[in-house]
Amino acid sequence: MRKSGLFIIVFFLYQIGLISQGTIETRSFYSPNLGVSKIYKVYLPADYYQSMDQYPVVYFLRNHEEEWFHGGYNGRTGTSLKEVIDELIESGLIGKMIIVAPNTGSNDGNYSCCTVNLLRPDLAPTTGIGTGKFEDYFLYDLLNHIDTTFRTFNDQWHRGIDGFSLGGYSSMCTSLRSPEIFSSVGSYDGTIMWKNLDDPIIPGGEPDDPLWFIDYTM
C-alpha cells in the first residue's frame, strides 16, 4: 500500500511538471589564467544525472554569478532565468540545454570584467580579480572546465553566449574576437558604446566619444 501510494504521488508530481524541472548547482574551479578560484552557477536540465545525453551550452554573462538565477539579487524582484528556461523547455519552444552563469568580476560583485578592461588587473586589485585576464579565464579556463566536467557538445555549433548590460558588452566583444568558438550571441540592453566613453589608448580620464554627448534636442 505504501509503495503504490508513493508511486501515485510521484506520478502526480511528474504530471504537473515539478519533477521535470532543471536544477541549479554552485561550483568552483581554479583558473590558471587568473591564478585564483572562481565560482559559477550551472543549470542542468531535468534527468541530467539519469541519462547519458549530451547538451548544448549557453553562457550568460553579467557580473556576479547570482545575478541570473537569484530573482531577488541586490534588491531586485523578478523571475529568475531558471524559471524562464524551465517554462520554455516544458512548452517545447527550446530543447534541453546547460546554462552557465560565471562570476566575471570581483567576488563581492563591485567590479566587473569590463571595469578592469579584461587585461588590466591594476585597475581593480580586489578579491577574485587575480591577474585580471578575464577574457583568457573565460575562453580557455572556464570553457574547457565546463566541457570536461559536464556532458556538453564540445563544438562551436552547440555553444552560445549571452549577456545583459556590461555582460552584453562582454558577450559581443568576446564573440566577435572569437567567432570560431560560438555559433550564437545575444546582448540584452548591452552597453555597446561603453568602451569608447573612456578609451584606454587615449591619454586622460575624460570621455572620448563626443557623439555620445551630443544634445539632439537643440
N, C-alpha and C. Protein backbone atom coordinates (compact mmCIF):
# COMPACT_ATOMS: atom_id res chain seq x y z
N MET A 1 0.83 -1.20 0.00
CA MET A 1 0.00 0.00 0.00
C MET A 1 0.87 1.25 0.00
N ARG A 2 1.92 1.22 0.83
CA ARG A 2 2.79 2.40 0.90
C ARG A 2 3.49 2.64 -0.43
N LYS A 3 3.93 1.54 -1.07
CA LYS A 3 4.64 1.69 -2.34
C LYS A 3 3.72 2.23 -3.42
N SER A 4 2.47 1.75 -3.47
CA SER A 4 1.55 2.24 -4.50
C SER A 4 1.18 3.69 -4.24
N GLY A 5 1.05 4.07 -2.97
CA GLY A 5 0.75 5.46 -2.64
C GLY A 5 1.88 6.39 -3.04
N LEU A 6 3.13 5.95 -2.81
CA LEU A 6 4.29 6.74 -3.20
C LEU A 6 4.35 6.88 -4.71
N PHE A 7 4.01 5.78 -5.43
CA PHE A 7 4.02 5.83 -6.89
C PHE A 7 3.02 6.87 -7.40
N ILE A 8 1.83 6.90 -6.78
CA ILE A 8 0.79 7.85 -7.20
C ILE A 8 1.27 9.28 -7.00
N ILE A 9 1.92 9.55 -5.86
CA ILE A 9 2.42 10.91 -5.57
C ILE A 9 3.48 11.31 -6.58
N VAL A 10 4.42 10.39 -6.85
CA VAL A 10 5.50 10.69 -7.81
C VAL A 10 4.92 10.94 -9.19
N PHE A 11 3.97 10.08 -9.60
CA PHE A 11 3.35 10.24 -10.92
C PHE A 11 2.63 11.59 -11.01
N PHE A 12 1.95 12.00 -9.94
CA PHE A 12 1.23 13.28 -9.93
C PHE A 12 2.20 14.44 -10.05
N LEU A 13 3.29 14.40 -9.29
CA LEU A 13 4.29 15.48 -9.36
C LEU A 13 4.91 15.56 -10.75
N TYR A 14 5.14 14.42 -11.37
CA TYR A 14 5.69 14.41 -12.72
C TYR A 14 4.72 15.03 -13.70
N GLN A 15 3.44 14.71 -13.55
CA GLN A 15 2.44 15.21 -14.47
C GLN A 15 2.30 16.73 -14.39
N ILE A 16 2.44 17.32 -13.21
CA ILE A 16 2.30 18.77 -13.09
C ILE A 16 3.62 19.50 -13.32
N GLY A 17 4.66 18.75 -13.64
CA GLY A 17 5.91 19.38 -14.08
C GLY A 17 6.93 19.65 -13.00
N LEU A 18 6.66 19.27 -11.73
CA LEU A 18 7.61 19.60 -10.67
C LEU A 18 8.88 18.78 -10.78
N ILE A 19 8.78 17.53 -11.20
CA ILE A 19 9.95 16.67 -11.28
C ILE A 19 10.75 16.93 -12.55
N SER A 20 10.10 17.47 -13.57
CA SER A 20 10.79 17.70 -14.84
C SER A 20 11.61 18.98 -14.86
N GLN A 21 11.60 19.73 -13.77
CA GLN A 21 12.35 20.98 -13.73
C GLN A 21 13.85 20.71 -13.63
N GLY A 22 14.62 21.67 -14.16
CA GLY A 22 16.07 21.57 -14.06
C GLY A 22 16.55 21.93 -12.68
N THR A 23 17.83 21.73 -12.44
CA THR A 23 18.42 22.04 -11.14
C THR A 23 19.57 23.04 -11.29
N ILE A 24 19.81 23.79 -10.23
CA ILE A 24 20.91 24.76 -10.19
C ILE A 24 21.97 24.27 -9.22
N GLU A 25 23.21 24.25 -9.67
CA GLU A 25 24.32 23.87 -8.79
C GLU A 25 25.33 25.02 -8.73
N THR A 26 25.95 25.18 -7.59
CA THR A 26 27.03 26.16 -7.42
C THR A 26 28.35 25.41 -7.38
N ARG A 27 29.23 25.75 -8.28
CA ARG A 27 30.52 25.06 -8.38
C ARG A 27 31.65 26.08 -8.35
N SER A 28 32.85 25.59 -8.14
CA SER A 28 34.03 26.44 -8.23
C SER A 28 35.16 25.64 -8.87
N PHE A 29 36.11 26.36 -9.46
CA PHE A 29 37.27 25.70 -10.05
C PHE A 29 38.42 26.69 -10.07
N TYR A 30 39.62 26.17 -10.20
CA TYR A 30 40.81 27.01 -10.21
C TYR A 30 41.10 27.47 -11.63
N SER A 31 41.26 28.78 -11.80
CA SER A 31 41.58 29.35 -13.10
C SER A 31 43.08 29.64 -13.19
N PRO A 32 43.81 28.91 -14.02
CA PRO A 32 45.25 29.19 -14.16
C PRO A 32 45.53 30.60 -14.66
N ASN A 33 44.69 31.14 -15.56
CA ASN A 33 44.95 32.47 -16.09
C ASN A 33 44.72 33.58 -15.07
N LEU A 34 43.75 33.40 -14.18
CA LEU A 34 43.53 34.39 -13.13
C LEU A 34 44.41 34.11 -11.92
N GLY A 35 44.77 32.86 -11.72
CA GLY A 35 45.56 32.49 -10.55
C GLY A 35 44.74 32.40 -9.27
N VAL A 36 43.41 32.34 -9.40
CA VAL A 36 42.51 32.22 -8.26
C VAL A 36 41.38 31.26 -8.61
N SER A 37 40.63 30.86 -7.59
CA SER A 37 39.45 30.04 -7.83
C SER A 37 38.25 30.93 -8.09
N LYS A 38 37.39 30.51 -9.00
CA LYS A 38 36.19 31.28 -9.34
C LYS A 38 34.95 30.41 -9.20
N ILE A 39 33.85 31.05 -8.84
CA ILE A 39 32.57 30.37 -8.66
C ILE A 39 31.71 30.56 -9.90
N TYR A 40 30.88 29.58 -10.19
CA TYR A 40 29.89 29.73 -11.25
C TYR A 40 28.63 28.95 -10.86
N LYS A 41 27.52 29.37 -11.44
CA LYS A 41 26.25 28.67 -11.29
C LYS A 41 26.00 27.91 -12.59
N VAL A 42 25.48 26.70 -12.47
CA VAL A 42 25.18 25.93 -13.67
C VAL A 42 23.78 25.36 -13.56
N TYR A 43 23.02 25.52 -14.63
CA TYR A 43 21.69 24.94 -14.75
C TYR A 43 21.81 23.64 -15.52
N LEU A 44 21.36 22.55 -14.89
CA LEU A 44 21.38 21.24 -15.54
C LEU A 44 19.94 20.83 -15.82
N PRO A 45 19.64 20.41 -17.04
CA PRO A 45 18.25 20.05 -17.38
C PRO A 45 17.76 18.85 -16.59
N ALA A 46 16.46 18.68 -16.57
CA ALA A 46 15.85 17.56 -15.85
C ALA A 46 16.43 16.23 -16.32
N ASP A 47 16.62 15.33 -15.38
CA ASP A 47 17.12 13.97 -15.67
C ASP A 47 18.57 13.96 -16.17
N TYR A 48 19.32 15.04 -15.91
CA TYR A 48 20.71 15.08 -16.37
C TYR A 48 21.49 13.89 -15.83
N TYR A 49 21.35 13.61 -14.55
CA TYR A 49 22.13 12.55 -13.94
C TYR A 49 21.56 11.16 -14.19
N GLN A 50 20.37 11.09 -14.76
CA GLN A 50 19.76 9.81 -15.07
C GLN A 50 19.96 9.40 -16.54
N SER A 51 20.58 10.27 -17.32
CA SER A 51 20.76 9.98 -18.74
C SER A 51 22.23 10.06 -19.11
N MET A 52 22.53 9.72 -20.33
CA MET A 52 23.88 9.87 -20.87
C MET A 52 23.87 10.84 -22.05
N ASP A 53 22.82 11.65 -22.15
CA ASP A 53 22.69 12.59 -23.26
C ASP A 53 23.73 13.70 -23.17
N GLN A 54 24.07 14.26 -24.31
CA GLN A 54 24.90 15.45 -24.38
C GLN A 54 24.00 16.66 -24.65
N TYR A 55 24.46 17.83 -24.24
CA TYR A 55 23.62 19.02 -24.35
C TYR A 55 24.41 20.21 -24.89
N PRO A 56 23.73 21.09 -25.61
CA PRO A 56 24.36 22.37 -25.96
C PRO A 56 24.51 23.20 -24.69
N VAL A 57 25.38 24.18 -24.73
CA VAL A 57 25.61 25.01 -23.54
C VAL A 57 25.58 26.48 -23.93
N VAL A 58 24.94 27.29 -23.10
CA VAL A 58 24.88 28.73 -23.32
C VAL A 58 25.43 29.43 -22.07
N TYR A 59 26.32 30.38 -22.29
CA TYR A 59 26.92 31.13 -21.20
C TYR A 59 26.20 32.47 -21.07
N PHE A 60 25.75 32.80 -19.86
CA PHE A 60 25.08 34.06 -19.59
C PHE A 60 25.98 34.92 -18.72
N LEU A 61 26.35 36.10 -19.25
CA LEU A 61 27.29 36.98 -18.55
C LEU A 61 26.56 38.17 -17.94
N ARG A 62 26.97 38.53 -16.76
CA ARG A 62 26.51 39.76 -16.11
C ARG A 62 27.67 40.30 -15.26
N ASN A 63 27.85 39.79 -14.10
CA ASN A 63 28.99 40.12 -13.24
C ASN A 63 29.09 39.06 -12.16
N HIS A 64 28.19 39.14 -11.18
CA HIS A 64 28.17 38.16 -10.10
C HIS A 64 27.41 36.91 -10.55
N GLU A 65 27.85 35.76 -10.09
CA GLU A 65 27.22 34.51 -10.53
C GLU A 65 25.78 34.35 -10.07
N GLU A 66 25.36 35.12 -9.06
CA GLU A 66 23.99 35.02 -8.55
C GLU A 66 22.97 35.77 -9.42
N GLU A 67 23.43 36.67 -10.26
CA GLU A 67 22.52 37.63 -10.89
C GLU A 67 21.49 37.03 -11.82
N TRP A 68 21.80 35.91 -12.45
CA TRP A 68 20.83 35.32 -13.38
C TRP A 68 19.84 34.40 -12.69
N PHE A 69 20.28 33.74 -11.62
CA PHE A 69 19.44 32.71 -11.01
C PHE A 69 18.87 33.11 -9.66
N HIS A 70 19.10 34.32 -9.24
CA HIS A 70 18.56 34.79 -7.96
C HIS A 70 17.68 36.00 -8.25
N GLY A 71 16.36 35.77 -8.29
CA GLY A 71 15.44 36.84 -8.66
C GLY A 71 15.47 38.04 -7.74
N GLY A 72 15.93 37.83 -6.50
CA GLY A 72 15.98 38.93 -5.54
C GLY A 72 17.37 39.47 -5.31
N TYR A 73 18.32 39.13 -6.20
CA TYR A 73 19.70 39.58 -6.01
C TYR A 73 19.80 41.09 -5.98
N ASN A 74 20.50 41.60 -5.00
CA ASN A 74 20.78 43.04 -4.89
C ASN A 74 19.49 43.88 -4.90
N GLY A 75 18.47 43.36 -4.20
CA GLY A 75 17.24 44.11 -4.05
C GLY A 75 16.27 44.00 -5.21
N ARG A 76 16.58 43.16 -6.20
CA ARG A 76 15.69 43.05 -7.36
C ARG A 76 14.50 42.14 -7.04
N THR A 77 13.44 42.35 -7.74
CA THR A 77 12.29 41.46 -7.64
C THR A 77 11.90 41.06 -9.06
N GLY A 78 11.97 39.78 -9.33
CA GLY A 78 11.65 39.34 -10.68
C GLY A 78 11.81 37.85 -10.83
N THR A 79 11.60 37.38 -12.04
CA THR A 79 11.70 35.96 -12.35
C THR A 79 13.14 35.60 -12.62
N SER A 80 13.57 34.46 -12.11
CA SER A 80 14.94 34.02 -12.35
C SER A 80 15.03 33.33 -13.71
N LEU A 81 16.24 33.24 -14.23
CA LEU A 81 16.47 32.59 -15.52
C LEU A 81 16.03 31.13 -15.48
N LYS A 82 16.18 30.48 -14.34
CA LYS A 82 15.78 29.08 -14.22
C LYS A 82 14.30 28.90 -14.54
N GLU A 83 13.46 29.76 -14.00
CA GLU A 83 12.02 29.65 -14.25
C GLU A 83 11.70 29.84 -15.73
N VAL A 84 12.40 30.76 -16.37
CA VAL A 84 12.18 31.01 -17.79
C VAL A 84 12.60 29.79 -18.62
N ILE A 85 13.80 29.25 -18.33
CA ILE A 85 14.29 28.09 -19.07
C ILE A 85 13.38 26.89 -18.86
N ASP A 86 12.98 26.65 -17.61
CA ASP A 86 12.07 25.53 -17.32
C ASP A 86 10.79 25.64 -18.15
N GLU A 87 10.22 26.83 -18.19
CA GLU A 87 8.96 27.03 -18.90
C GLU A 87 9.13 26.85 -20.40
N LEU A 88 10.24 27.37 -20.96
CA LEU A 88 10.48 27.25 -22.39
C LEU A 88 10.70 25.79 -22.80
N ILE A 89 11.44 25.05 -21.97
CA ILE A 89 11.66 23.64 -22.27
C ILE A 89 10.36 22.86 -22.15
N GLU A 90 9.61 23.13 -21.08
CA GLU A 90 8.35 22.43 -20.84
C GLU A 90 7.36 22.67 -21.98
N SER A 91 7.37 23.88 -22.54
CA SER A 91 6.43 24.21 -23.61
C SER A 91 6.92 23.72 -24.98
N GLY A 92 8.16 23.23 -25.05
CA GLY A 92 8.69 22.73 -26.30
C GLY A 92 9.26 23.80 -27.21
N LEU A 93 9.38 25.04 -26.71
CA LEU A 93 9.92 26.12 -27.54
C LEU A 93 11.43 26.00 -27.71
N ILE A 94 12.10 25.41 -26.74
CA ILE A 94 13.54 25.15 -26.86
C ILE A 94 13.81 23.74 -26.36
N GLY A 95 14.95 23.18 -26.74
CA GLY A 95 15.34 21.87 -26.26
C GLY A 95 16.11 21.99 -24.96
N LYS A 96 16.40 20.85 -24.35
CA LYS A 96 17.17 20.85 -23.11
C LYS A 96 18.59 21.34 -23.37
N MET A 97 19.12 22.10 -22.42
CA MET A 97 20.46 22.64 -22.55
C MET A 97 21.06 22.89 -21.19
N ILE A 98 22.34 23.13 -21.18
CA ILE A 98 23.06 23.51 -19.97
C ILE A 98 23.29 25.02 -20.02
N ILE A 99 23.02 25.69 -18.90
CA ILE A 99 23.23 27.13 -18.80
C ILE A 99 24.31 27.40 -17.76
N VAL A 100 25.29 28.23 -18.10
CA VAL A 100 26.37 28.56 -17.17
C VAL A 100 26.37 30.06 -16.91
N ALA A 101 26.35 30.42 -15.63
CA ALA A 101 26.43 31.83 -15.23
C ALA A 101 27.69 31.99 -14.39
N PRO A 102 28.80 32.42 -15.01
CA PRO A 102 30.07 32.53 -14.29
C PRO A 102 30.21 33.86 -13.56
N ASN A 103 31.08 33.86 -12.58
CA ASN A 103 31.49 35.12 -11.96
C ASN A 103 32.53 35.75 -12.88
N THR A 104 32.25 36.96 -13.35
CA THR A 104 33.18 37.61 -14.29
C THR A 104 33.71 38.91 -13.71
N GLY A 105 33.88 38.95 -12.40
CA GLY A 105 34.42 40.14 -11.77
C GLY A 105 34.96 39.82 -10.40
N SER A 106 35.00 40.82 -9.53
CA SER A 106 35.45 40.59 -8.16
C SER A 106 34.42 39.76 -7.41
N ASN A 107 34.86 39.07 -6.38
CA ASN A 107 33.96 38.18 -5.65
C ASN A 107 32.80 38.92 -4.99
N ASP A 108 33.02 40.18 -4.63
CA ASP A 108 31.95 40.94 -3.98
C ASP A 108 30.99 41.58 -4.97
N GLY A 109 31.28 41.44 -6.27
CA GLY A 109 30.40 41.98 -7.29
C GLY A 109 30.56 43.47 -7.55
N ASN A 110 31.53 44.11 -6.91
CA ASN A 110 31.71 45.56 -7.09
C ASN A 110 32.44 45.93 -8.37
N TYR A 111 33.21 45.00 -8.92
CA TYR A 111 33.95 45.29 -10.15
C TYR A 111 33.64 44.21 -11.17
N SER A 112 33.33 44.63 -12.39
CA SER A 112 33.08 43.68 -13.46
C SER A 112 34.34 43.51 -14.28
N CYS A 113 34.33 42.49 -15.16
CA CYS A 113 35.50 42.27 -16.01
C CYS A 113 35.70 43.46 -16.94
N CYS A 114 34.61 44.15 -17.30
CA CYS A 114 34.75 45.34 -18.15
C CYS A 114 35.46 46.46 -17.41
N THR A 115 35.23 46.54 -16.10
CA THR A 115 35.87 47.59 -15.31
C THR A 115 37.37 47.45 -15.33
N VAL A 116 37.86 46.22 -15.36
CA VAL A 116 39.30 46.02 -15.42
C VAL A 116 39.78 45.87 -16.86
N ASN A 117 38.86 46.17 -17.80
CA ASN A 117 39.22 46.16 -19.22
C ASN A 117 39.86 44.85 -19.66
N LEU A 118 39.35 43.74 -19.12
CA LEU A 118 39.75 42.39 -19.49
C LEU A 118 41.19 42.06 -19.13
N LEU A 119 42.13 42.83 -19.58
CA LEU A 119 43.54 42.52 -19.32
C LEU A 119 44.23 43.64 -18.54
N ARG A 120 43.48 44.33 -17.66
CA ARG A 120 44.05 45.43 -16.87
C ARG A 120 43.86 45.16 -15.38
N PRO A 121 44.63 44.24 -14.81
CA PRO A 121 44.44 43.88 -13.40
C PRO A 121 44.75 45.01 -12.44
N ASP A 122 45.51 45.99 -12.88
CA ASP A 122 45.90 47.08 -11.97
C ASP A 122 44.74 48.00 -11.64
N LEU A 123 43.64 47.93 -12.38
CA LEU A 123 42.54 48.85 -12.16
C LEU A 123 41.63 48.44 -11.01
N ALA A 124 41.66 47.20 -10.61
CA ALA A 124 40.76 46.74 -9.55
C ALA A 124 41.39 45.59 -8.78
N PRO A 125 42.31 45.88 -7.89
CA PRO A 125 43.02 44.81 -7.15
C PRO A 125 42.19 44.29 -5.98
N THR A 126 41.02 43.71 -6.26
CA THR A 126 40.18 43.19 -5.19
C THR A 126 40.08 41.66 -5.29
N THR A 127 39.54 41.05 -4.26
CA THR A 127 39.47 39.60 -4.19
C THR A 127 38.69 39.03 -5.36
N GLY A 128 39.29 38.09 -6.06
CA GLY A 128 38.64 37.44 -7.19
C GLY A 128 39.10 37.96 -8.54
N ILE A 129 39.79 39.10 -8.55
CA ILE A 129 40.30 39.64 -9.82
C ILE A 129 41.50 38.84 -10.30
N GLY A 130 42.37 38.44 -9.36
CA GLY A 130 43.56 37.68 -9.74
C GLY A 130 44.43 38.48 -10.68
N THR A 131 44.87 37.89 -11.76
CA THR A 131 45.74 38.58 -12.72
C THR A 131 44.96 39.56 -13.59
N GLY A 132 43.64 39.46 -13.57
CA GLY A 132 42.83 40.36 -14.40
C GLY A 132 42.60 39.87 -15.82
N LYS A 133 43.13 38.71 -16.15
CA LYS A 133 43.00 38.20 -17.53
C LYS A 133 41.65 37.49 -17.70
N PHE A 134 40.57 38.28 -17.64
CA PHE A 134 39.24 37.69 -17.64
C PHE A 134 38.85 37.07 -18.97
N GLU A 135 39.31 37.62 -20.05
CA GLU A 135 38.96 37.02 -21.34
C GLU A 135 39.64 35.67 -21.49
N ASP A 136 40.89 35.58 -21.06
CA ASP A 136 41.60 34.30 -21.11
C ASP A 136 40.97 33.30 -20.13
N TYR A 137 40.59 33.80 -18.97
CA TYR A 137 39.91 32.95 -17.98
C TYR A 137 38.63 32.36 -18.56
N PHE A 138 37.88 33.18 -19.26
CA PHE A 138 36.61 32.72 -19.80
C PHE A 138 36.81 31.77 -20.97
N LEU A 139 37.61 32.17 -21.94
CA LEU A 139 37.75 31.40 -23.17
C LEU A 139 38.54 30.11 -23.00
N TYR A 140 39.56 30.14 -22.17
CA TYR A 140 40.45 28.98 -22.10
C TYR A 140 40.25 28.14 -20.84
N ASP A 141 40.00 28.78 -19.71
CA ASP A 141 39.84 28.02 -18.47
C ASP A 141 38.42 27.55 -18.26
N LEU A 142 37.47 28.47 -18.28
CA LEU A 142 36.08 28.12 -17.96
C LEU A 142 35.48 27.19 -19.02
N LEU A 143 35.61 27.53 -20.29
CA LEU A 143 35.01 26.69 -21.34
C LEU A 143 35.57 25.28 -21.30
N ASN A 144 36.87 25.16 -21.10
CA ASN A 144 37.47 23.83 -21.03
C ASN A 144 36.97 23.08 -19.80
N HIS A 145 36.85 23.79 -18.69
CA HIS A 145 36.36 23.15 -17.46
C HIS A 145 34.94 22.64 -17.64
N ILE A 146 34.07 23.45 -18.23
CA ILE A 146 32.68 23.04 -18.43
C ILE A 146 32.59 21.85 -19.37
N ASP A 147 33.34 21.88 -20.46
CA ASP A 147 33.27 20.80 -21.45
C ASP A 147 33.85 19.48 -20.92
N THR A 148 34.76 19.55 -19.96
CA THR A 148 35.32 18.32 -19.40
C THR A 148 34.60 17.86 -18.14
N THR A 149 33.78 18.73 -17.56
CA THR A 149 33.06 18.39 -16.33
C THR A 149 31.65 17.90 -16.63
N PHE A 150 31.02 18.49 -17.65
CA PHE A 150 29.63 18.15 -17.97
C PHE A 150 29.55 17.56 -19.39
N ARG A 151 28.43 16.93 -19.67
CA ARG A 151 28.25 16.28 -20.97
C ARG A 151 27.73 17.29 -21.99
N THR A 152 28.63 18.09 -22.48
CA THR A 152 28.28 19.09 -23.47
C THR A 152 28.67 18.60 -24.87
N PHE A 153 28.08 19.23 -25.88
CA PHE A 153 28.59 19.08 -27.24
C PHE A 153 29.75 20.08 -27.36
N ASN A 154 30.95 19.56 -27.38
CA ASN A 154 32.13 20.42 -27.36
C ASN A 154 32.48 20.90 -28.76
N ASP A 155 31.63 21.78 -29.31
CA ASP A 155 31.91 22.35 -30.61
C ASP A 155 31.19 23.70 -30.74
N GLN A 156 31.61 24.45 -31.73
CA GLN A 156 31.09 25.80 -31.95
C GLN A 156 29.58 25.81 -32.15
N TRP A 157 29.05 24.81 -32.83
CA TRP A 157 27.65 24.82 -33.25
C TRP A 157 26.68 24.54 -32.11
N HIS A 158 27.19 24.15 -30.98
CA HIS A 158 26.33 23.89 -29.82
C HIS A 158 26.74 24.76 -28.63
N ARG A 159 27.32 25.92 -28.90
CA ARG A 159 27.79 26.82 -27.83
C ARG A 159 27.36 28.24 -28.14
N GLY A 160 26.68 28.86 -27.17
CA GLY A 160 26.23 30.24 -27.33
C GLY A 160 26.68 31.11 -26.17
N ILE A 161 26.58 32.42 -26.34
CA ILE A 161 26.97 33.36 -25.30
C ILE A 161 26.00 34.53 -25.31
N ASP A 162 25.49 34.89 -24.15
CA ASP A 162 24.55 36.00 -24.00
C ASP A 162 24.97 36.85 -22.82
N GLY A 163 24.44 38.06 -22.77
CA GLY A 163 24.77 38.91 -21.62
C GLY A 163 23.83 40.10 -21.52
N PHE A 164 23.76 40.65 -20.33
CA PHE A 164 22.92 41.81 -20.07
C PHE A 164 23.78 42.96 -19.60
N SER A 165 23.50 44.18 -20.12
CA SER A 165 24.23 45.39 -19.73
C SER A 165 25.72 45.21 -20.02
N LEU A 166 26.59 45.34 -19.00
CA LEU A 166 28.02 45.14 -19.25
C LEU A 166 28.30 43.70 -19.66
N GLY A 167 27.43 42.77 -19.24
CA GLY A 167 27.57 41.40 -19.71
C GLY A 167 27.29 41.30 -21.19
N GLY A 168 26.37 42.14 -21.69
CA GLY A 168 26.10 42.19 -23.12
C GLY A 168 27.30 42.73 -23.88
N TYR A 169 27.94 43.73 -23.31
CA TYR A 169 29.18 44.26 -23.90
C TYR A 169 30.23 43.16 -23.98
N SER A 170 30.39 42.41 -22.88
CA SER A 170 31.38 41.34 -22.85
C SER A 170 31.06 40.24 -23.85
N SER A 171 29.78 39.87 -23.95
CA SER A 171 29.41 38.79 -24.86
C SER A 171 29.67 39.19 -26.32
N MET A 172 29.37 40.45 -26.66
CA MET A 172 29.61 40.91 -28.03
C MET A 172 31.10 40.95 -28.35
N CYS A 173 31.88 41.55 -27.45
CA CYS A 173 33.32 41.65 -27.70
C CYS A 173 33.97 40.28 -27.79
N THR A 174 33.60 39.40 -26.87
CA THR A 174 34.20 38.06 -26.83
C THR A 174 33.85 37.26 -28.07
N SER A 175 32.60 37.30 -28.48
CA SER A 175 32.18 36.52 -29.65
C SER A 175 32.77 37.07 -30.94
N LEU A 176 32.86 38.39 -31.05
CA LEU A 176 33.42 38.99 -32.26
C LEU A 176 34.91 38.68 -32.40
N ARG A 177 35.60 38.59 -31.27
CA ARG A 177 37.01 38.26 -31.32
C ARG A 177 37.25 36.75 -31.46
N SER A 178 36.23 35.96 -31.13
CA SER A 178 36.39 34.51 -31.21
C SER A 178 35.19 33.86 -31.90
N PRO A 179 34.96 34.21 -33.17
CA PRO A 179 33.77 33.68 -33.88
C PRO A 179 33.82 32.18 -34.08
N GLU A 180 35.01 31.59 -33.99
CA GLU A 180 35.13 30.15 -34.18
C GLU A 180 34.69 29.34 -32.95
N ILE A 181 34.40 30.03 -31.84
CA ILE A 181 34.05 29.35 -30.61
C ILE A 181 32.54 29.32 -30.38
N PHE A 182 31.82 30.36 -30.85
CA PHE A 182 30.39 30.48 -30.58
C PHE A 182 29.59 30.52 -31.89
N SER A 183 28.41 29.90 -31.85
CA SER A 183 27.53 29.93 -33.01
C SER A 183 26.42 30.95 -32.86
N SER A 184 26.21 31.45 -31.64
CA SER A 184 25.18 32.47 -31.42
C SER A 184 25.62 33.41 -30.32
N VAL A 185 25.13 34.65 -30.39
CA VAL A 185 25.48 35.66 -29.39
C VAL A 185 24.25 36.53 -29.14
N GLY A 186 24.07 36.93 -27.91
CA GLY A 186 22.96 37.82 -27.56
C GLY A 186 23.44 38.91 -26.62
N SER A 187 22.94 40.11 -26.82
CA SER A 187 23.26 41.23 -25.95
C SER A 187 21.96 41.94 -25.60
N TYR A 188 21.59 41.90 -24.33
CA TYR A 188 20.33 42.47 -23.88
C TYR A 188 20.62 43.76 -23.12
N ASP A 189 20.13 44.88 -23.70
CA ASP A 189 20.42 46.19 -23.11
C ASP A 189 21.92 46.37 -22.94
N GLY A 190 22.66 45.86 -23.91
CA GLY A 190 24.12 45.87 -23.80
C GLY A 190 24.71 47.27 -23.93
N THR A 191 25.73 47.54 -23.13
CA THR A 191 26.41 48.84 -23.19
C THR A 191 27.48 48.78 -24.27
N ILE A 192 27.02 48.72 -25.51
CA ILE A 192 27.94 48.50 -26.63
C ILE A 192 28.90 49.68 -26.81
N MET A 193 28.48 50.90 -26.45
CA MET A 193 29.35 52.07 -26.62
C MET A 193 30.19 52.35 -25.39
N TRP A 194 30.11 51.48 -24.40
CA TRP A 194 30.77 51.76 -23.13
C TRP A 194 32.27 51.97 -23.27
N LYS A 195 32.93 51.17 -24.09
CA LYS A 195 34.38 51.24 -24.20
C LYS A 195 34.84 52.62 -24.65
N ASN A 196 34.15 53.21 -25.60
CA ASN A 196 34.60 54.48 -26.16
C ASN A 196 34.40 55.67 -25.24
N LEU A 197 33.63 55.48 -24.15
CA LEU A 197 33.46 56.60 -23.22
C LEU A 197 34.78 56.97 -22.56
N ASP A 198 35.65 56.00 -22.37
CA ASP A 198 36.98 56.28 -21.83
C ASP A 198 37.95 55.29 -22.46
N ASP A 199 38.39 55.62 -23.66
CA ASP A 199 39.28 54.75 -24.41
C ASP A 199 40.65 54.70 -23.72
N PRO A 200 41.10 53.50 -23.29
CA PRO A 200 42.39 53.41 -22.59
C PRO A 200 43.59 53.79 -23.45
N ILE A 201 43.40 53.82 -24.78
CA ILE A 201 44.51 54.19 -25.66
C ILE A 201 44.74 55.69 -25.66
N ILE A 202 43.69 56.46 -25.41
CA ILE A 202 43.78 57.92 -25.42
C ILE A 202 44.14 58.43 -24.03
N PRO A 203 45.15 59.27 -23.91
CA PRO A 203 45.57 59.78 -22.59
C PRO A 203 44.44 60.55 -21.89
N GLY A 204 44.47 60.50 -20.56
CA GLY A 204 43.47 61.23 -19.78
C GLY A 204 42.27 60.37 -19.43
N GLY A 205 41.52 60.83 -18.45
CA GLY A 205 40.39 60.07 -17.98
C GLY A 205 39.05 60.59 -18.42
N GLU A 206 39.05 61.57 -19.34
CA GLU A 206 37.78 62.13 -19.80
C GLU A 206 37.14 61.25 -20.87
N PRO A 207 35.81 61.34 -21.01
CA PRO A 207 35.12 60.57 -22.07
C PRO A 207 35.68 60.91 -23.44
N ASP A 208 35.80 59.91 -24.30
CA ASP A 208 36.45 60.10 -25.59
C ASP A 208 35.52 59.96 -26.79
N ASP A 209 34.24 59.76 -26.56
CA ASP A 209 33.30 59.61 -27.67
C ASP A 209 32.35 60.81 -27.69
N PRO A 210 32.65 61.83 -28.47
CA PRO A 210 31.83 63.05 -28.45
C PRO A 210 30.41 62.84 -28.95
N LEU A 211 30.19 61.84 -29.83
CA LEU A 211 28.83 61.61 -30.35
C LEU A 211 27.87 61.20 -29.24
N TRP A 212 28.41 60.58 -28.19
CA TRP A 212 27.56 60.12 -27.09
C TRP A 212 26.92 61.28 -26.36
N PHE A 213 27.59 62.43 -26.36
CA PHE A 213 27.15 63.55 -25.54
C PHE A 213 26.47 64.67 -26.33
N ILE A 214 26.17 64.44 -27.62
CA ILE A 214 25.50 65.46 -28.41
C ILE A 214 24.07 65.64 -27.91
N ASP A 215 23.67 66.89 -27.74
CA ASP A 215 22.30 67.19 -27.32
C ASP A 215 21.43 67.29 -28.56
N TYR A 216 20.68 66.24 -28.86
CA TYR A 216 19.88 66.20 -30.07
C TYR A 216 18.56 66.96 -29.93
N THR A 217 18.30 67.51 -28.75
CA THR A 217 17.05 68.26 -28.54
C THR A 217 17.18 69.71 -29.00
N MET A 218 18.40 70.15 -29.29
CA MET A 218 18.62 71.55 -29.67
C MET A 218 18.27 71.77 -31.14
